[in-house]
N, C-alpha and C. Protein backbone atom coordinates (compact mmCIF):
# COMPACT_ATOMS: atom_id res chain seq x y z
N UNK A 1 0.79 -1.31 0.05
CA UNK A 1 -0.03 -0.09 0.06
C UNK A 1 0.90 1.32 0.02
N UNK A 2 0.56 2.24 -0.67
CA UNK A 2 1.32 3.40 -0.89
C UNK A 2 1.15 4.40 0.36
N UNK A 3 2.08 4.98 0.72
CA UNK A 3 2.05 6.03 1.75
C UNK A 3 1.60 7.41 1.22
N UNK A 4 1.28 8.34 2.12
CA UNK A 4 0.79 9.64 1.69
C UNK A 4 1.87 10.30 0.78
N UNK A 5 3.32 10.19 1.16
CA UNK A 5 4.20 10.81 0.38
C UNK A 5 4.36 10.17 -0.91
N UNK A 6 4.07 8.93 -1.06
CA UNK A 6 4.25 8.24 -2.45
C UNK A 6 3.07 8.72 -3.31
N UNK A 7 1.88 9.08 -2.60
CA UNK A 7 0.74 9.45 -3.34
C UNK A 7 0.88 10.99 -3.77
N UNK A 8 1.58 11.86 -2.94
CA UNK A 8 1.91 13.17 -3.24
C UNK A 8 2.77 13.14 -4.49
N UNK A 9 3.82 12.22 -4.44
CA UNK A 9 4.83 12.23 -5.63
C UNK A 9 3.97 11.71 -6.88
N UNK A 10 3.10 10.81 -6.65
CA UNK A 10 2.43 10.29 -7.97
C UNK A 10 1.49 11.47 -8.52
N UNK A 11 0.88 12.20 -7.67
CA UNK A 11 0.02 13.35 -8.06
C UNK A 11 0.89 14.33 -8.81
N UNK A 12 2.05 14.62 -8.23
CA UNK A 12 2.95 15.57 -8.88
C UNK A 12 3.43 14.99 -10.21
N UNK A 13 3.59 13.77 -10.30
CA UNK A 13 4.09 13.27 -11.67
C UNK A 13 2.91 13.43 -12.64
N UNK A 14 1.58 13.25 -12.18
CA UNK A 14 0.52 13.39 -13.06
C UNK A 14 0.39 14.89 -13.44
N UNK A 15 0.64 15.79 -12.50
CA UNK A 15 0.56 17.26 -12.77
C UNK A 15 1.68 17.53 -13.87
N UNK A 16 2.90 17.00 -13.74
CA UNK A 16 3.82 17.41 -14.75
C UNK A 16 3.46 16.61 -16.04
N UNK A 17 2.97 15.47 -16.19
CA UNK A 17 2.58 14.78 -17.38
C UNK A 17 1.41 15.57 -18.01
N UNK A 18 0.58 16.16 -17.29
CA UNK A 18 -0.48 16.98 -17.91
C UNK A 18 -0.10 18.39 -18.26
N UNK A 19 1.15 18.71 -17.94
CA UNK A 19 1.76 19.92 -18.25
C UNK A 19 1.03 21.21 -17.67
N UNK A 20 0.60 20.92 -16.47
CA UNK A 20 -0.01 21.98 -15.64
C UNK A 20 1.03 22.96 -15.01
N UNK A 21 0.70 24.14 -14.71
CA UNK A 21 1.76 24.96 -13.98
C UNK A 21 2.07 24.23 -12.69
N UNK A 22 3.24 24.53 -12.22
CA UNK A 22 3.75 23.91 -11.00
C UNK A 22 2.87 24.37 -9.76
N UNK A 23 2.32 23.55 -8.97
CA UNK A 23 1.62 23.99 -7.90
C UNK A 23 2.39 24.37 -6.69
N UNK A 24 1.96 25.12 -5.76
CA UNK A 24 2.63 25.38 -4.43
C UNK A 24 2.24 24.20 -3.50
N UNK A 25 3.30 23.63 -2.89
CA UNK A 25 3.07 22.61 -1.98
C UNK A 25 2.83 23.16 -0.56
N UNK A 26 1.87 22.55 0.18
CA UNK A 26 1.48 23.02 1.57
C UNK A 26 1.27 24.63 1.61
N UNK A 27 0.34 25.01 0.73
CA UNK A 27 -0.08 26.39 0.56
C UNK A 27 -1.04 26.86 1.73
N UNK A 28 -0.72 27.95 2.39
CA UNK A 28 -1.47 28.27 3.55
C UNK A 28 -2.55 29.44 3.12
N UNK A 29 -3.83 29.24 3.32
CA UNK A 29 -4.73 30.19 2.96
C UNK A 29 -5.45 30.80 4.21
N UNK A 30 -5.49 32.07 4.35
CA UNK A 30 -6.17 32.71 5.49
C UNK A 30 -7.71 32.59 5.29
N UNK A 31 -8.44 32.11 6.17
CA UNK A 31 -9.86 31.90 6.03
C UNK A 31 -10.74 33.18 6.23
N UNK A 32 -10.14 34.26 6.52
CA UNK A 32 -10.92 35.41 6.70
C UNK A 32 -10.06 36.64 7.01
N UNK A 33 -10.53 37.78 7.11
CA UNK A 33 -9.72 39.10 7.34
C UNK A 33 -9.62 39.44 8.91
N UNK A 34 -10.70 38.90 9.63
CA UNK A 34 -10.80 39.13 11.12
C UNK A 34 -9.78 38.42 11.94
N UNK A 35 -9.31 38.86 12.92
CA UNK A 35 -8.39 38.19 13.91
C UNK A 35 -9.14 37.61 14.96
N UNK A 36 -8.90 36.34 15.41
CA UNK A 36 -8.21 35.33 14.62
C UNK A 36 -9.08 34.88 13.61
N UNK A 37 -8.51 34.69 12.36
CA UNK A 37 -9.29 34.35 11.22
C UNK A 37 -9.20 32.74 11.02
N UNK A 38 -8.07 32.23 11.32
CA UNK A 38 -7.85 30.77 10.96
C UNK A 38 -7.40 30.65 9.67
N UNK A 39 -6.81 29.55 9.36
CA UNK A 39 -6.12 29.31 8.10
C UNK A 39 -6.17 27.73 7.88
N UNK A 40 -5.93 27.41 6.63
CA UNK A 40 -5.92 26.09 6.17
C UNK A 40 -4.66 25.88 5.37
N UNK A 41 -4.15 24.67 5.45
CA UNK A 41 -2.92 24.46 4.60
C UNK A 41 -3.35 23.37 3.57
N UNK A 42 -3.37 23.81 2.27
CA UNK A 42 -3.64 22.87 1.20
C UNK A 42 -2.49 21.97 0.75
N UNK A 43 -2.64 20.77 0.38
CA UNK A 43 -1.40 20.08 -0.10
C UNK A 43 -0.93 20.68 -1.25
N UNK A 44 -1.72 20.96 -2.34
CA UNK A 44 -1.20 21.51 -3.49
C UNK A 44 -2.26 22.68 -3.84
N UNK A 45 -1.53 23.73 -4.29
CA UNK A 45 -2.54 24.88 -4.62
C UNK A 45 -1.84 25.68 -5.94
N UNK A 46 -2.76 26.12 -6.63
CA UNK A 46 -2.39 27.01 -7.69
C UNK A 46 -3.10 28.44 -7.37
N UNK A 47 -2.44 29.28 -6.59
CA UNK A 47 -3.04 30.52 -6.21
C UNK A 47 -3.59 31.45 -7.16
N UNK A 48 -2.81 31.56 -8.31
CA UNK A 48 -3.26 32.35 -9.40
C UNK A 48 -4.60 32.02 -10.04
N UNK A 49 -4.81 30.74 -10.00
CA UNK A 49 -6.11 30.03 -10.52
C UNK A 49 -7.10 29.82 -9.43
N UNK A 50 -6.70 29.97 -8.18
CA UNK A 50 -7.43 29.64 -6.94
C UNK A 50 -8.07 28.21 -7.00
N UNK A 51 -7.15 27.35 -7.26
CA UNK A 51 -7.46 25.90 -7.34
C UNK A 51 -6.63 25.21 -6.23
N UNK A 52 -7.27 24.41 -5.46
CA UNK A 52 -6.48 23.70 -4.46
C UNK A 52 -7.02 22.14 -4.41
N UNK A 53 -5.86 21.40 -3.87
CA UNK A 53 -6.28 19.93 -3.73
C UNK A 53 -5.67 19.63 -2.36
N UNK A 54 -6.58 18.70 -1.63
CA UNK A 54 -6.20 18.19 -0.35
C UNK A 54 -6.28 16.64 -0.72
N UNK A 55 -5.12 15.97 -0.31
CA UNK A 55 -5.03 14.58 -0.59
C UNK A 55 -5.27 13.78 0.67
N UNK A 56 -5.98 12.65 0.50
CA UNK A 56 -6.48 11.69 1.65
C UNK A 56 -7.09 12.54 2.78
N UNK A 57 -8.02 13.42 2.37
CA UNK A 57 -8.86 13.99 3.37
C UNK A 57 -10.32 13.54 3.27
N UNK A 58 -11.12 13.46 4.28
CA UNK A 58 -12.35 12.97 4.31
C UNK A 58 -13.28 14.22 4.08
N UNK A 59 -13.91 14.29 2.88
CA UNK A 59 -14.61 15.54 2.37
C UNK A 59 -16.04 15.55 3.09
N UNK A 60 -16.42 14.55 3.88
CA UNK A 60 -17.65 14.67 4.61
C UNK A 60 -17.47 15.14 5.98
N UNK A 61 -16.38 15.41 6.51
CA UNK A 61 -16.22 15.91 7.90
C UNK A 61 -16.56 17.33 7.85
N UNK A 62 -17.25 17.75 8.94
CA UNK A 62 -17.84 19.15 9.20
C UNK A 62 -16.75 20.21 8.94
N UNK A 63 -15.52 19.96 9.44
CA UNK A 63 -14.53 21.01 9.40
C UNK A 63 -14.04 21.07 7.91
N UNK A 64 -13.96 19.92 7.14
CA UNK A 64 -13.41 19.94 5.69
C UNK A 64 -14.65 20.76 4.82
N UNK A 65 -15.88 20.39 5.22
CA UNK A 65 -16.87 21.20 4.46
C UNK A 65 -16.92 22.68 4.70
N UNK A 66 -16.64 23.11 5.97
CA UNK A 66 -16.55 24.38 6.37
C UNK A 66 -15.39 25.11 5.65
N UNK A 67 -14.23 24.53 5.52
CA UNK A 67 -13.12 25.09 4.92
C UNK A 67 -13.39 25.33 3.35
N UNK A 68 -14.07 24.18 2.86
CA UNK A 68 -14.36 24.37 1.35
C UNK A 68 -15.35 25.54 1.21
N UNK A 69 -16.22 25.60 2.11
CA UNK A 69 -17.25 26.74 1.95
C UNK A 69 -16.58 28.12 2.04
N UNK A 70 -15.80 28.32 3.02
CA UNK A 70 -15.08 29.67 3.15
C UNK A 70 -14.11 29.81 1.97
N UNK A 71 -13.44 28.92 1.60
CA UNK A 71 -12.56 28.93 0.42
C UNK A 71 -13.19 29.30 -0.83
N UNK A 72 -14.42 28.73 -1.03
CA UNK A 72 -15.17 28.93 -2.22
C UNK A 72 -15.86 30.43 -2.17
N UNK A 73 -16.04 30.82 -0.97
CA UNK A 73 -16.53 32.25 -0.86
C UNK A 73 -15.50 33.22 -1.25
N UNK A 74 -14.21 32.78 -1.17
CA UNK A 74 -13.09 33.59 -1.56
C UNK A 74 -12.66 33.31 -3.22
N UNK A 75 -13.55 32.55 -3.70
CA UNK A 75 -13.30 32.28 -5.16
C UNK A 75 -12.43 31.05 -5.45
N UNK A 76 -12.13 30.28 -4.48
CA UNK A 76 -11.27 29.09 -4.55
C UNK A 76 -12.16 27.82 -5.10
N UNK A 77 -11.66 26.98 -5.81
CA UNK A 77 -12.15 25.63 -6.09
C UNK A 77 -11.20 24.55 -5.34
N UNK A 78 -11.90 23.76 -4.53
CA UNK A 78 -11.12 22.86 -3.56
C UNK A 78 -11.57 21.41 -3.88
N UNK A 79 -10.53 20.53 -4.17
CA UNK A 79 -10.94 19.21 -4.33
C UNK A 79 -10.32 18.42 -3.15
N UNK A 80 -11.10 17.50 -2.49
CA UNK A 80 -10.57 16.46 -1.56
C UNK A 80 -10.53 15.32 -2.32
N UNK A 81 -9.28 14.73 -2.40
CA UNK A 81 -9.24 13.51 -3.17
C UNK A 81 -8.57 12.44 -2.30
N UNK A 82 -8.94 11.16 -2.62
CA UNK A 82 -8.33 10.00 -1.91
C UNK A 82 -7.09 9.52 -2.63
N UNK A 83 -6.31 8.70 -2.02
CA UNK A 83 -5.22 8.12 -2.76
C UNK A 83 -5.77 7.23 -3.81
N UNK A 84 -6.89 6.63 -3.71
CA UNK A 84 -7.44 5.77 -4.72
C UNK A 84 -7.69 6.54 -5.86
N UNK A 85 -8.15 7.75 -5.67
CA UNK A 85 -8.38 8.79 -6.85
C UNK A 85 -7.10 9.00 -7.57
N UNK A 86 -6.08 9.23 -6.87
CA UNK A 86 -4.88 9.50 -7.47
C UNK A 86 -4.34 8.32 -8.24
N UNK A 87 -4.38 7.14 -7.77
CA UNK A 87 -3.97 5.93 -8.38
C UNK A 87 -4.77 5.78 -9.65
N UNK A 88 -6.02 6.06 -9.71
CA UNK A 88 -6.85 5.86 -10.88
C UNK A 88 -6.84 6.93 -11.81
N UNK A 89 -6.18 8.00 -11.51
CA UNK A 89 -6.04 9.28 -12.47
C UNK A 89 -7.22 10.10 -12.37
N UNK A 90 -8.24 9.85 -11.47
CA UNK A 90 -9.48 10.65 -11.35
C UNK A 90 -9.09 11.97 -10.65
N UNK A 91 -8.11 12.08 -9.82
CA UNK A 91 -7.79 13.36 -9.15
C UNK A 91 -7.20 14.38 -10.14
N UNK A 92 -6.25 13.95 -10.99
CA UNK A 92 -5.78 14.89 -11.95
C UNK A 92 -6.75 15.37 -13.02
N UNK A 93 -7.69 14.42 -13.28
CA UNK A 93 -8.73 14.68 -14.39
C UNK A 93 -9.56 15.81 -13.78
N UNK A 94 -9.93 15.68 -12.46
CA UNK A 94 -10.78 16.78 -11.82
C UNK A 94 -9.97 18.09 -11.85
N UNK A 95 -8.61 18.08 -11.59
CA UNK A 95 -7.88 19.28 -11.49
C UNK A 95 -7.65 19.92 -12.92
N UNK A 96 -7.51 19.05 -14.02
CA UNK A 96 -7.42 19.58 -15.33
C UNK A 96 -8.88 20.25 -15.71
N UNK A 97 -9.94 19.61 -15.38
CA UNK A 97 -11.24 20.18 -15.57
C UNK A 97 -11.34 21.56 -14.93
N UNK A 98 -10.76 21.74 -13.81
CA UNK A 98 -10.84 23.03 -13.02
C UNK A 98 -10.01 24.07 -13.69
N UNK A 99 -8.99 23.77 -14.44
CA UNK A 99 -8.24 24.77 -15.23
C UNK A 99 -9.01 25.08 -16.48
N UNK A 100 -9.77 24.28 -17.02
CA UNK A 100 -10.70 24.43 -18.05
C UNK A 100 -10.08 25.18 -19.35
N UNK A 101 -10.59 26.21 -19.65
CA UNK A 101 -10.12 26.86 -20.96
C UNK A 101 -8.88 27.39 -20.92
N UNK A 102 -8.35 27.55 -19.71
CA UNK A 102 -6.94 28.12 -19.55
C UNK A 102 -6.03 27.22 -20.18
N UNK A 103 -6.09 25.89 -19.84
CA UNK A 103 -5.20 24.89 -20.44
C UNK A 103 -5.46 24.67 -21.92
N UNK A 104 -6.65 24.70 -22.46
CA UNK A 104 -7.03 24.49 -23.88
C UNK A 104 -6.36 25.76 -24.59
N UNK A 105 -6.58 27.02 -24.08
CA UNK A 105 -5.93 28.13 -24.80
C UNK A 105 -4.48 28.09 -24.81
N UNK A 106 -3.92 27.63 -23.70
CA UNK A 106 -2.41 27.62 -23.65
C UNK A 106 -1.83 26.58 -24.58
N UNK A 107 -2.58 25.40 -24.65
CA UNK A 107 -2.14 24.34 -25.62
C UNK A 107 -2.21 24.92 -27.10
N UNK A 108 -3.24 25.74 -27.37
CA UNK A 108 -3.40 26.14 -28.65
C UNK A 108 -2.25 27.24 -28.98
N UNK A 109 -1.92 28.02 -28.03
CA UNK A 109 -0.84 28.97 -28.28
C UNK A 109 0.53 28.26 -28.46
N UNK A 110 0.68 27.15 -27.68
CA UNK A 110 2.06 26.52 -27.82
C UNK A 110 2.17 25.76 -29.08
N UNK A 111 1.00 25.51 -29.80
CA UNK A 111 1.09 24.65 -30.96
C UNK A 111 1.07 25.55 -32.19
N UNK A 112 0.84 26.82 -32.01
CA UNK A 112 0.70 27.84 -33.12
C UNK A 112 2.04 28.21 -33.58
């Protein structure tokens, strides 16, 4: 069975194979402007696109739902993915979809 670090490495390999921009690892997002606001550390994040991935987190937990809600209020799209999703390639597929037209237009520009 894979460890979390192996799954992180596998996900990064998928990011590179998909030619996505390099994500920030362990990106810290402030959850509000008031003090104490709280913060969350995403495993992978693309701050410019406001896309974040949490690996091996339970998306049904109340805390995770609250984080997702607050992050979405700030314009972020957050995916909670299991190691199984990384192994099947479903996690990177979701992230690629999150980039949407940005990747399609970038690919068109690089082939022109």
